[in-house]
Amino acid sequence: MAQGTAAAATTPDPPAPRGQLLAGPAALIGGLVHPDDPPAGANDWSCKPTKEHPRPVVLLHGTFANAYDNWGVMSPYLKQLGYCVFAAEYGGTPGNPVKATAHVPVSAGEIADFVDRVLKSTGAHQVDLVGHSQGGGVTPRWYLRFAGGTDSAHPEKNKVHSLIGLAPSNHGTTASGLGTLTTKLGLNKPVSAVLGEAYEDQLVGSEVNTTLDKDGDTQPGVDYTVIATKLDEVVTPYTHQFLTAGPKATVKNITIQDICPRDLSEHVSIAFDSNAAQLVRNALDPAHAKPVECTVTLPVLGG
């Protein structure tokens, strides 16, 4: 596909990404080597949305990750489907492969700047956000509510149409007990000094979570989709990922094992999961949703 073009409406959908059993480890290595590069298919600033796919897709990586290592499967797949795809980097410094560690409001401001750039470049009215972990949870929700992503009084002016979160950190995590331990020991500040403020921001009961949850989970005019796995070891309990729809918003909470019982993805590998990719496809274009062709996905390795 040439730069700046998208797939025609008559072009058959590409098959879901298969054979990705080593996608996770390969992505980690790639992210170390290319910490500031976009993944394949992303950040073609000449791309113009089509009538079939009028909204660009903005990918938001998770904590301690970067765009290159988080979206090696999803980005080229969405590009092949005909979307203009953009992958943001936030919450970290250039050259450092470990990003999304900054204070959530700071990262949300960086996402706001990136979305504005995408809208200006493409001429689109709105974008769709697809995020993993922090990138699908508290940080884009902060952007939507406090950093200009939506206009609650005039939802038609929203910059975001939908937020699709893969294993999103929506209501705080116990981090399989680690967060509970550091909270009880009063160690959240020292640990955050080492790991970044995003660590404490995403724990159960944090100031960020309390502020976000005070007035409900959603913003008017936004469609939310949560794709969670029962095997999540990072955002725990996994049910903390689910959202409740408020006025003029829609929420679809999906546990991936309810769709594909043999899916063994956990927090990391859900970003490299063919089944999850198909669910994202359906969430982006629900009018043309298709049954998920389930395949086996393994912990850490993907599938």
C-alpha atoms as a PDB file:
ATOM      1  CA  MET A   1       0.000   0.000   0.000  1.00  0.00           C
ATOM      2  CA  ALA A   2       1.438   3.373  -0.956  1.00  0.00           C
ATOM      3  CA  GLN A   3       2.051   6.013   1.636  1.00  0.00           C
ATOM      4  CA  GLY A   4      -0.876   8.317   2.243  1.00  0.00           C
ATOM      5  CA  THR A   5      -3.431   5.847   0.893  1.00  0.00           C
ATOM      6  CA  ALA A   6      -5.861   3.503   2.563  1.00  0.00           C
ATOM      7  CA  ALA A   7      -7.448   0.242   1.474  1.00  0.00           C
ATOM      8  CA  ALA A   8     -10.445   0.540  -0.818  1.00  0.00           C
ATOM      9  CA  ALA A   9     -13.843  -0.550   0.447  1.00  0.00           C
ATOM     10  CA  THR A  10     -13.857  -3.499  -1.955  1.00  0.00           C
ATOM     11  CA  THR A  11     -10.517  -4.819  -0.699  1.00  0.00           C
ATOM     12  CA  PRO A  12     -11.082  -7.977   1.384  1.00  0.00           C
ATOM     13  CA  ASP A  13     -10.101  -7.680   5.032  1.00  0.00           C
ATOM     14  CA  PRO A  14      -6.637  -9.075   5.707  1.00  0.00           C
ATOM     15  CA  PRO A  15      -6.553 -12.188   7.863  1.00  0.00           C
ATOM     16  CA  ALA A  16      -6.042 -11.706  11.580  1.00  0.00           C
ATOM     17  CA  PRO A  17      -2.355 -11.812  12.513  1.00  0.00           C
ATOM     18  CA  ARG A  18      -1.380 -15.434  13.105  1.00  0.00           C
ATOM     19  CA  GLY A  19       1.783 -17.243  14.004  1.00  0.00           C
ATOM     20  CA  GLN A  20       2.853 -14.584  16.488  1.00  0.00           C
ATOM     21  CA  LEU A  21       3.965 -16.922  19.271  1.00  0.00           C
ATOM     22  CA  LEU A  22       7.283 -15.103  19.711  1.00  0.00           C
ATOM     23  CA  ALA A  23       5.853 -11.635  19.129  1.00  0.00           C
ATOM     24  CA  GLY A  24       6.223 -10.591  22.767  1.00  0.00           C
ATOM     25  CA  PRO A  25       9.914 -11.392  23.240  1.00  0.00           C
ATOM     26  CA  ALA A  26      10.752 -10.129  19.734  1.00  0.00           C
ATOM     27  CA  ALA A  27       8.969  -6.849  20.443  1.00  0.00           C
ATOM     28  CA  LEU A  28      10.867  -6.355  23.692  1.00  0.00           C
ATOM     29  CA  ILE A  29      14.172  -6.722  21.907  1.00  0.00           C
ATOM     30  CA  GLY A  30      13.021  -4.443  19.102  1.00  0.00           C
ATOM     31  CA  GLY A  31      11.919  -1.775  21.553  1.00  0.00           C
ATOM     32  CA  LEU A  32      15.363  -1.734  23.138  1.00  0.00           C
ATOM     33  CA  VAL A  33      16.995  -1.224  19.749  1.00  0.00           C
ATOM     34  CA  HIS A  34      14.387   1.225  18.387  1.00  0.00           C
ATOM     35  CA  PRO A  35      13.114   3.108  21.465  1.00  0.00           C
ATOM     36  CA  ASP A  36      11.801   6.110  19.523  1.00  0.00           C
ATOM     37  CA  ASP A  37      10.720   4.505  16.240  1.00  0.00           C
ATOM     38  CA  PRO A  38       7.061   3.918  15.361  1.00  0.00           C
ATOM     39  CA  PRO A  39       5.922   0.340  14.751  1.00  0.00           C
ATOM     40  CA  ALA A  40       5.294  -0.856  11.213  1.00  0.00           C
ATOM     41  CA  GLY A  41       2.275   0.841   9.673  1.00  0.00           C
ATOM     42  CA  ALA A  42       2.210   3.835  12.021  1.00  0.00           C
ATOM     43  CA  ASN A  43       2.933   7.559  11.741  1.00  0.00           C
ATOM     44  CA  ASP A  44       2.539   8.110   8.025  1.00  0.00           C
ATOM     45  CA  TRP A  45       1.778  11.804   8.354  1.00  0.00           C
ATOM     46  CA  SER A  46       0.608  12.005   4.737  1.00  0.00           C
ATOM     47  CA  CYS A  47      -2.194   9.493   5.369  1.00  0.00           C
ATOM     48  CA  LYS A  48      -5.739  10.734   4.785  1.00  0.00           C
ATOM     49  CA  PRO A  49      -8.735   8.867   6.229  1.00  0.00           C
ATOM     50  CA  THR A  50     -11.202   7.238   3.861  1.00  0.00           C
ATOM     51  CA  LYS A  51     -14.989   7.352   3.835  1.00  0.00           C
ATOM     52  CA  GLU A  52     -14.990   3.770   5.152  1.00  0.00           C
ATOM     53  CA  HIS A  53     -12.559   4.618   7.982  1.00  0.00           C
ATOM     54  CA  PRO A  54     -12.960   8.360   8.624  1.00  0.00           C
ATOM     55  CA  ARG A  55     -11.235   8.433  12.001  1.00  0.00           C
ATOM     56  CA  PRO A  56      -7.498   7.912  12.485  1.00  0.00           C
ATOM     57  CA  VAL A  57      -6.491   5.385  15.135  1.00  0.00           C
ATOM     58  CA  VAL A  58      -4.080   6.565  17.831  1.00  0.00           C
ATOM     59  CA  LEU A  59      -2.232   3.787  19.667  1.00  0.00           C
ATOM     60  CA  LEU A  60      -1.151   4.386  23.274  1.00  0.00           C
ATOM     61  CA  HIS A  61       1.441   2.056  24.779  1.00  0.00           C
ATOM     62  CA  GLY A  62       1.555   0.822  28.362  1.00  0.00           C
ATOM     63  CA  THR A  63       3.775   1.522  31.363  1.00  0.00           C
ATOM     64  CA  PHE A  64       7.496   0.742  30.961  1.00  0.00           C
ATOM     65  CA  ALA A  65       6.901   0.189  27.227  1.00  0.00           C
ATOM     66  CA  ASN A  66       7.214   2.212  24.034  1.00  0.00           C
ATOM     67  CA  ALA A  67       5.257   2.362  20.791  1.00  0.00           C
ATOM     68  CA  TYR A  68       7.646   0.095  18.890  1.00  0.00           C
ATOM     69  CA  ASP A  69       7.564  -2.809  21.332  1.00  0.00           C
ATOM     70  CA  ASN A  70       3.874  -2.497  22.224  1.00  0.00           C
ATOM     71  CA  TRP A  71       2.280  -2.347  18.792  1.00  0.00           C
ATOM     72  CA  GLY A  72       4.280  -4.599  16.461  1.00  0.00           C
ATOM     73  CA  VAL A  73       1.215  -6.765  15.788  1.00  0.00           C
ATOM     74  CA  MET A  74      -1.690  -4.325  16.096  1.00  0.00           C
ATOM     75  CA  SER A  75      -0.298  -1.419  14.072  1.00  0.00           C
ATOM     76  CA  PRO A  76       0.349  -3.205  10.758  1.00  0.00           C
ATOM     77  CA  TYR A  77      -2.922  -5.112  11.089  1.00  0.00           C
ATOM     78  CA  LEU A  78      -4.970  -1.917  11.462  1.00  0.00           C
ATOM     79  CA  LYS A  79      -3.035  -0.292   8.637  1.00  0.00           C
ATOM     80  CA  GLN A  80      -3.878  -3.239   6.382  1.00  0.00           C
ATOM     81  CA  LEU A  81      -7.541  -2.838   7.337  1.00  0.00           C
ATOM     82  CA  GLY A  82      -7.387   0.645   5.825  1.00  0.00           C
ATOM     83  CA  TYR A  83      -6.951   2.895   8.853  1.00  0.00           C
ATOM     84  CA  CYS A  84      -4.573   5.800   9.228  1.00  0.00           C
ATOM     85  CA  VAL A  85      -2.580   4.610  12.235  1.00  0.00           C
ATOM     86  CA  PHE A  86      -0.537   6.748  14.602  1.00  0.00           C
ATOM     87  CA  ALA A  87       1.449   5.602  17.637  1.00  0.00           C
ATOM     88  CA  ALA A  88       2.197   8.105  20.384  1.00  0.00           C
ATOM     89  CA  GLU A  89       5.191   8.148  22.706  1.00  0.00           C
ATOM     90  CA  TYR A  90       4.527   9.652  26.118  1.00  0.00           C
ATOM     91  CA  GLY A  91       5.732   9.774  29.696  1.00  0.00           C
ATOM     92  CA  GLY A  92       9.429   9.282  28.942  1.00  0.00           C
ATOM     93  CA  THR A  93      12.529  10.821  27.451  1.00  0.00           C
ATOM     94  CA  PRO A  94      13.847  10.315  23.903  1.00  0.00           C
ATOM     95  CA  GLY A  95      16.301   7.457  23.667  1.00  0.00           C
ATOM     96  CA  ASN A  96      14.948   5.716  26.748  1.00  0.00           C
ATOM     97  CA  PRO A  97      13.016   2.536  25.859  1.00  0.00           C
ATOM     98  CA  VAL A  98      11.184   2.673  29.195  1.00  0.00           C
ATOM     99  CA  LYS A  99       8.365   5.191  28.845  1.00  0.00           C
ATOM    100  CA  ALA A 100       4.918   5.929  30.316  1.00  0.00           C
ATOM    101  CA  THR A 101       6.446   6.384  33.767  1.00  0.00           C
ATOM    102  CA  ALA A 102       5.581  10.069  34.281  1.00  0.00           C
ATOM    103  CA  HIS A 103       2.762  11.480  36.397  1.00  0.00           C
ATOM    104  CA  VAL A 104      -0.516  10.638  34.640  1.00  0.00           C
ATOM    105  CA  PRO A 105      -1.669  14.269  34.130  1.00  0.00           C
ATOM    106  CA  VAL A 106       1.686  15.065  32.500  1.00  0.00           C
ATOM    107  CA  SER A 107       1.384  12.099  30.150  1.00  0.00           C
ATOM    108  CA  ALA A 108      -2.232  13.024  29.381  1.00  0.00           C
ATOM    109  CA  GLY A 109      -1.044  16.447  28.255  1.00  0.00           C
ATOM    110  CA  GLU A 110       1.457  14.841  25.895  1.00  0.00           C
ATOM    111  CA  ILE A 111      -1.288  12.652  24.444  1.00  0.00           C
ATOM    112  CA  ALA A 112      -3.431  15.761  23.956  1.00  0.00           C
ATOM    113  CA  ASP A 113      -0.663  17.384  21.912  1.00  0.00           C
ATOM    114  CA  PHE A 114      -0.216  14.236  19.824  1.00  0.00           C
ATOM    115  CA  VAL A 115      -3.936  13.902  19.081  1.00  0.00           C
ATOM    116  CA  ASP A 116      -4.089  17.562  18.042  1.00  0.00           C
ATOM    117  CA  ARG A 117      -1.207  16.949  15.645  1.00  0.00           C
ATOM    118  CA  VAL A 118      -2.991  13.910  14.168  1.00  0.00           C
ATOM    119  CA  LEU A 119      -6.230  15.840  13.689  1.00  0.00           C
ATOM    120  CA  LYS A 120      -4.437  18.730  12.029  1.00  0.00           C
ATOM    121  CA  SER A 121      -2.406  16.461   9.749  1.00  0.00           C
ATOM    122  CA  THR A 122      -5.292  14.245   8.647  1.00  0.00           C
ATOM    123  CA  GLY A 123      -8.071  16.818   8.614  1.00  0.00           C
ATOM    124  CA  ALA A 124     -10.215  14.437  10.651  1.00  0.00           C
ATOM    125  CA  HIS A 125     -12.817  15.617  13.156  1.00  0.00           C
ATOM    126  CA  GLN A 126     -12.176  12.848  15.689  1.00  0.00           C
ATOM    127  CA  VAL A 127      -9.811   9.975  16.465  1.00  0.00           C
ATOM    128  CA  ASP A 128     -10.255   6.548  17.994  1.00  0.00           C
ATOM    129  CA  LEU A 129      -7.880   5.638  20.827  1.00  0.00           C
ATOM    130  CA  VAL A 130      -6.582   2.086  21.252  1.00  0.00           C
ATOM    131  CA  GLY A 131      -4.461   1.614  24.346  1.00  0.00           C
ATOM    132  CA  HIS A 132      -2.771  -1.084  26.377  1.00  0.00           C
ATOM    133  CA  SER A 133      -2.598  -1.060  30.185  1.00  0.00           C
ATOM    134  CA  GLN A 134      -2.017   2.552  31.308  1.00  0.00           C
ATOM    135  CA  GLY A 135      -2.480   3.590  27.673  1.00  0.00           C
ATOM    136  CA  GLY A 136      -6.001   2.168  27.664  1.00  0.00           C
ATOM    137  CA  GLY A 137      -6.932   3.230  31.170  1.00  0.00           C
ATOM    138  CA  VAL A 138      -6.231   6.106  33.511  1.00  0.00           C
ATOM    139  CA  THR A 139      -4.114   8.237  31.193  1.00  0.00           C
ATOM    140  CA  PRO A 140      -6.494   8.488  28.219  1.00  0.00           C
ATOM    141  CA  ARG A 141      -9.403   8.818  30.639  1.00  0.00           C
ATOM    142  CA  TRP A 142      -7.572  11.756  32.254  1.00  0.00           C
ATOM    143  CA  TYR A 143      -7.043  13.240  28.787  1.00  0.00           C
ATOM    144  CA  LEU A 144     -10.718  12.828  27.951  1.00  0.00           C
ATOM    145  CA  ARG A 145     -11.918  14.473  31.148  1.00  0.00           C
ATOM    146  CA  PHE A 146      -9.295  17.047  32.080  1.00  0.00           C
ATOM    147  CA  ALA A 147      -6.999  17.689  29.109  1.00  0.00           C
ATOM    148  CA  GLY A 148      -9.323  18.628  26.286  1.00  0.00           C
ATOM    149  CA  GLY A 149     -10.249  15.275  24.758  1.00  0.00           C
ATOM    150  CA  THR A 150     -13.972  15.862  25.224  1.00  0.00           C
ATOM    151  CA  ASP A 151     -16.476  18.657  25.711  1.00  0.00           C
ATOM    152  CA  SER A 152     -19.101  17.326  28.114  1.00  0.00           C
ATOM    153  CA  ALA A 153     -21.475  20.217  27.370  1.00  0.00           C
ATOM    154  CA  HIS A 154     -21.133  19.736  23.618  1.00  0.00           C
ATOM    155  CA  PRO A 155     -20.186  16.099  22.900  1.00  0.00           C
ATOM    156  CA  GLU A 156     -20.338  16.745  19.174  1.00  0.00           C
ATOM    157  CA  LYS A 157     -17.110  18.713  19.665  1.00  0.00           C
ATOM    158  CA  ASN A 158     -15.277  15.773  21.244  1.00  0.00           C
ATOM    159  CA  LYS A 159     -11.872  15.032  19.749  1.00  0.00           C
ATOM    160  CA  VAL A 160     -12.269  11.335  20.583  1.00  0.00           C
ATOM    161  CA  HIS A 161     -15.014   9.027  19.346  1.00  0.00           C
ATOM    162  CA  SER A 162     -14.001   5.826  21.129  1.00  0.00           C
ATOM    163  CA  LEU A 163     -11.524   4.465  23.673  1.00  0.00           C
ATOM    164  CA  ILE A 164     -10.607   0.782  23.355  1.00  0.00           C
ATOM    165  CA  GLY A 165      -8.519  -0.553  26.222  1.00  0.00           C
ATOM    166  CA  LEU A 166      -6.538  -3.795  26.274  1.00  0.00           C
ATOM    167  CA  ALA A 167      -6.063  -4.802  29.927  1.00  0.00           C
ATOM    168  CA  PRO A 168      -6.582  -1.158  30.945  1.00  0.00           C
ATOM    169  CA  SER A 169      -5.683   0.196  34.380  1.00  0.00           C
ATOM    170  CA  ASN A 170      -9.028   1.844  34.976  1.00  0.00           C
ATOM    171  CA  HIS A 171      -9.790   1.541  38.697  1.00  0.00           C
ATOM    172  CA  GLY A 172      -6.419   0.887  40.225  1.00  0.00           C
ATOM    173  CA  THR A 173      -4.435  -2.276  40.704  1.00  0.00           C
ATOM    174  CA  THR A 174      -3.075  -4.267  43.596  1.00  0.00           C
ATOM    175  CA  ALA A 175      -0.311  -5.484  41.215  1.00  0.00           C
ATOM    176  CA  SER A 176      -0.774  -9.063  42.435  1.00  0.00           C
ATOM    177  CA  GLY A 177      -0.225  -7.859  45.993  1.00  0.00           C
ATOM    178  CA  LEU A 178       2.871  -5.728  45.403  1.00  0.00           C
ATOM    179  CA  GLY A 179       0.857  -2.503  45.379  1.00  0.00           C
ATOM    180  CA  THR A 180      -0.998  -3.520  48.515  1.00  0.00           C
ATOM    181  CA  LEU A 181       2.314  -4.241  50.251  1.00  0.00           C
ATOM    182  CA  THR A 182       4.018  -0.975  49.292  1.00  0.00           C
ATOM    183  CA  THR A 183       0.900   0.963  50.298  1.00  0.00           C
ATOM    184  CA  LYS A 184       0.713  -0.675  53.736  1.00  0.00           C
ATOM    185  CA  LEU A 185       4.437  -0.112  54.291  1.00  0.00           C
ATOM    186  CA  GLY A 186       4.243   3.505  53.184  1.00  0.00           C
ATOM    187  CA  LEU A 187       6.695   2.851  50.358  1.00  0.00           C
ATOM    188  CA  ASN A 188       4.735   4.128  47.373  1.00  0.00           C
ATOM    189  CA  LYS A 189       6.666   7.406  47.167  1.00  0.00           C
ATOM    190  CA  PRO A 190      10.137   5.774  47.360  1.00  0.00           C
ATOM    191  CA  VAL A 191       9.147   3.084  44.861  1.00  0.00           C
ATOM    192  CA  SER A 192       7.711   5.720  42.519  1.00  0.00           C
ATOM    193  CA  ALA A 193      10.951   7.673  42.779  1.00  0.00           C
ATOM    194  CA  VAL A 194      12.622   4.649  41.189  1.00  0.00           C
ATOM    195  CA  LEU A 195       9.889   3.320  38.873  1.00  0.00           C
ATOM    196  CA  GLY A 196       8.172   6.599  38.041  1.00  0.00           C
ATOM    197  CA  GLU A 197       5.093   8.406  39.345  1.00  0.00           C
ATOM    198  CA  ALA A 198       2.856   6.286  37.110  1.00  0.00           C
ATOM    199  CA  TYR A 199       3.409   3.412  39.544  1.00  0.00           C
ATOM    200  CA  GLU A 200       1.635   5.098  42.436  1.00  0.00           C
ATOM    201  CA  ASP A 201      -0.904   6.764  40.126  1.00  0.00           C
ATOM    202  CA  GLN A 202      -2.231   3.363  39.071  1.00  0.00           C
ATOM    203  CA  LEU A 203      -2.599   1.777  42.493  1.00  0.00           C
ATOM    204  CA  VAL A 204      -5.943   1.221  44.170  1.00  0.00           C
ATOM    205  CA  GLY A 205      -6.975   4.362  46.038  1.00  0.00           C
ATOM    206  CA  SER A 206      -4.440   6.671  44.394  1.00  0.00           C
ATOM    207  CA  GLU A 207      -5.199  10.364  44.077  1.00  0.00           C
ATOM    208  CA  VAL A 208      -5.399   9.969  40.301  1.00  0.00           C
ATOM    209  CA  ASN A 209      -7.921   7.120  40.537  1.00  0.00           C
ATOM    210  CA  THR A 210      -9.955   8.861  43.216  1.00  0.00           C
ATOM    211  CA  THR A 211     -10.142  12.022  41.116  1.00  0.00           C
ATOM    212  CA  LEU A 212     -11.107  10.152  37.952  1.00  0.00           C
ATOM    213  CA  ASP A 213     -13.745   7.971  39.590  1.00  0.00           C
ATOM    214  CA  LYS A 214     -15.406  10.741  41.585  1.00  0.00           C
ATOM    215  CA  ASP A 215     -17.708  11.827  38.758  1.00  0.00           C
ATOM    216  CA  GLY A 216     -18.201   8.512  36.984  1.00  0.00           C
ATOM    217  CA  ASP A 217     -16.238   6.404  34.559  1.00  0.00           C
ATOM    218  CA  THR A 218     -17.187   7.902  31.224  1.00  0.00           C
ATOM    219  CA  GLN A 219     -17.553  11.090  29.233  1.00  0.00           C
ATOM    220  CA  PRO A 220     -20.633  11.947  27.149  1.00  0.00           C
ATOM    221  CA  GLY A 221     -20.366  11.034  23.496  1.00  0.00           C
ATOM    222  CA  VAL A 222     -17.553   8.488  23.860  1.00  0.00           C
ATOM    223  CA  ASP A 223     -17.853   4.758  23.151  1.00  0.00           C
ATOM    224  CA  TYR A 224     -15.725   2.650  25.506  1.00  0.00           C
ATOM    225  CA  THR A 225     -14.597  -0.946  25.036  1.00  0.00           C
ATOM    226  CA  VAL A 226     -12.625  -2.917  27.632  1.00  0.00           C
ATOM    227  CA  ILE A 227     -10.891  -6.137  26.579  1.00  0.00           C
ATOM    228  CA  ALA A 228      -9.681  -7.943  29.698  1.00  0.00           C
ATOM    229  CA  THR A 229      -8.138 -11.311  30.474  1.00  0.00           C
ATOM    230  CA  LYS A 230      -8.841 -13.393  33.569  1.00  0.00           C
ATOM    231  CA  LEU A 231      -5.118 -14.226  33.685  1.00  0.00           C
ATOM    232  CA  ASP A 232      -3.978 -10.634  34.130  1.00  0.00           C
ATOM    233  CA  GLU A 233      -1.170 -10.511  36.686  1.00  0.00           C
ATOM    234  CA  VAL A 234      -0.531  -6.753  36.544  1.00  0.00           C
ATOM    235  CA  VAL A 235      -3.918  -5.012  36.692  1.00  0.00           C
ATOM    236  CA  THR A 236      -5.468  -7.019  39.507  1.00  0.00           C
ATOM    237  CA  PRO A 237      -8.164  -7.913  40.191  1.00  0.00           C
ATOM    238  CA  TYR A 238      -8.922  -7.932  36.477  1.00  0.00           C
ATOM    239  CA  THR A 239     -12.506  -6.786  37.124  1.00  0.00           C
ATOM    240  CA  HIS A 240     -11.072  -3.381  38.128  1.00  0.00           C
ATOM    241  CA  GLN A 241     -10.599  -2.850  34.401  1.00  0.00           C
ATOM    242  CA  PHE A 242     -14.322  -2.733  33.678  1.00  0.00           C
ATOM    243  CA  LEU A 243     -16.225   0.521  33.294  1.00  0.00           C
ATOM    244  CA  THR A 244     -19.790   1.629  33.969  1.00  0.00           C
ATOM    245  CA  ALA A 245     -21.493   3.806  31.388  1.00  0.00           C
ATOM    246  CA  GLY A 246     -22.598   7.271  32.402  1.00  0.00           C
ATOM    247  CA  PRO A 247     -24.929   9.667  30.580  1.00  0.00           C
ATOM    248  CA  LYS A 248     -24.641   9.680  26.763  1.00  0.00           C
ATOM    249  CA  ALA A 249     -21.783   7.150  26.743  1.00  0.00           C
ATOM    250  CA  THR A 250     -21.622   3.458  25.889  1.00  0.00           C
ATOM    251  CA  VAL A 251     -19.489   0.744  27.489  1.00  0.00           C
ATOM    252  CA  LYS A 252     -18.761  -2.781  26.335  1.00  0.00           C
ATOM    253  CA  ASN A 253     -16.827  -4.894  28.841  1.00  0.00           C
ATOM    254  CA  ILE A 254     -15.314  -8.055  27.339  1.00  0.00           C
ATOM    255  CA  THR A 255     -13.460 -10.876  29.076  1.00  0.00           C
ATOM    256  CA  ILE A 256     -11.505 -12.479  26.276  1.00  0.00           C
ATOM    257  CA  GLN A 257     -11.921 -16.028  27.635  1.00  0.00           C
ATOM    258  CA  ASP A 258     -15.699 -15.607  27.267  1.00  0.00           C
ATOM    259  CA  ILE A 259     -15.098 -15.254  23.526  1.00  0.00           C
ATOM    260  CA  CYS A 260     -12.135 -17.617  23.112  1.00  0.00           C
ATOM    261  CA  PRO A 261     -11.925 -20.092  26.039  1.00  0.00           C
ATOM    262  CA  ARG A 262      -8.469 -21.339  24.988  1.00  0.00           C
ATOM    263  CA  ASP A 263      -6.972 -17.856  25.081  1.00  0.00           C
ATOM    264  CA  LEU A 264      -4.207 -17.880  27.713  1.00  0.00           C
ATOM    265  CA  SER A 265      -3.032 -14.322  27.218  1.00  0.00           C
ATOM    266  CA  GLU A 266      -2.076 -12.372  30.320  1.00  0.00           C
ATOM    267  CA  HIS A 267      -1.313  -8.688  30.752  1.00  0.00           C
ATOM    268  CA  VAL A 268       1.634  -8.506  28.355  1.00  0.00           C
ATOM    269  CA  SER A 269       0.670 -10.938  25.615  1.00  0.00           C
ATOM    270  CA  ILE A 270      -2.843  -9.539  25.108  1.00  0.00           C
ATOM    271  CA  ALA A 271      -1.169  -6.816  23.029  1.00  0.00           C
ATOM    272  CA  PHE A 272       0.143  -9.570  20.710  1.00  0.00           C
ATOM    273  CA  ASP A 273      -3.068 -11.609  20.688  1.00  0.00           C
ATOM    274  CA  SER A 274      -4.806 -12.368  17.385  1.00  0.00           C
ATOM    275  CA  ASN A 275      -8.119 -12.746  19.195  1.00  0.00           C
ATOM    276  CA  ALA A 276      -7.759  -9.345  20.856  1.00  0.00           C
ATOM    277  CA  ALA A 277      -6.806  -7.785  17.515  1.00  0.00           C
ATOM    278  CA  GLN A 278     -10.068  -9.024  16.016  1.00  0.00           C
ATOM    279  CA  LEU A 279     -12.025  -7.610  18.962  1.00  0.00           C
ATOM    280  CA  VAL A 280     -10.335  -4.253  18.405  1.00  0.00           C
ATOM    281  CA  ARG A 281     -11.296  -4.451  14.729  1.00  0.00           C
ATOM    282  CA  ASN A 282     -14.927  -5.000  15.701  1.00  0.00           C
ATOM    283  CA  ALA A 283     -14.890  -2.193  18.264  1.00  0.00           C
ATOM    284  CA  LEU A 284     -13.522   0.256  15.706  1.00  0.00           C
ATOM    285  CA  ASP A 285     -16.184  -0.670  13.149  1.00  0.00           C
ATOM    286  CA  PRO A 286     -19.117  -2.288  14.971  1.00  0.00           C
ATOM    287  CA  ALA A 287     -21.394  -1.932  11.960  1.00  0.00           C
ATOM    288  CA  HIS A 288     -19.219  -4.481  10.154  1.00  0.00           C
ATOM    289  CA  ALA A 289     -18.259  -6.672  13.111  1.00  0.00           C
ATOM    290  CA  LYS A 290     -17.347 -10.274  12.332  1.00  0.00           C
ATOM    291  CA  PRO A 291     -17.147 -13.398  14.497  1.00  0.00           C
ATOM    292  CA  VAL A 292     -13.749 -13.849  16.102  1.00  0.00           C
ATOM    293  CA  GLU A 293     -11.763 -16.728  14.624  1.00  0.00           C
ATOM    294  CA  CYS A 294     -10.232 -17.953  17.866  1.00  0.00           C
ATOM    295  CA  THR A 295      -6.676 -19.194  18.107  1.00  0.00           C
ATOM    296  CA  VAL A 296      -4.489 -20.238  21.042  1.00  0.00           C
ATOM    297  CA  THR A 297      -2.514 -17.444  22.676  1.00  0.00           C
ATOM    298  CA  LEU A 298       0.174 -18.224  25.238  1.00  0.00           C
ATOM    299  CA  PRO A 299       1.306 -16.184  28.248  1.00  0.00           C
ATOM    300  CA  VAL A 300       4.110 -13.699  27.437  1.00  0.00           C
ATOM    301  CA  LEU A 301       4.690 -15.239  23.987  1.00  0.00           C
ATOM    302  CA  GLY A 302       1.524 -14.119  22.223  1.00  0.00           C
ATOM    303  CA  GLY A 303      -0.326 -15.944  19.478  1.00  0.00           C
END
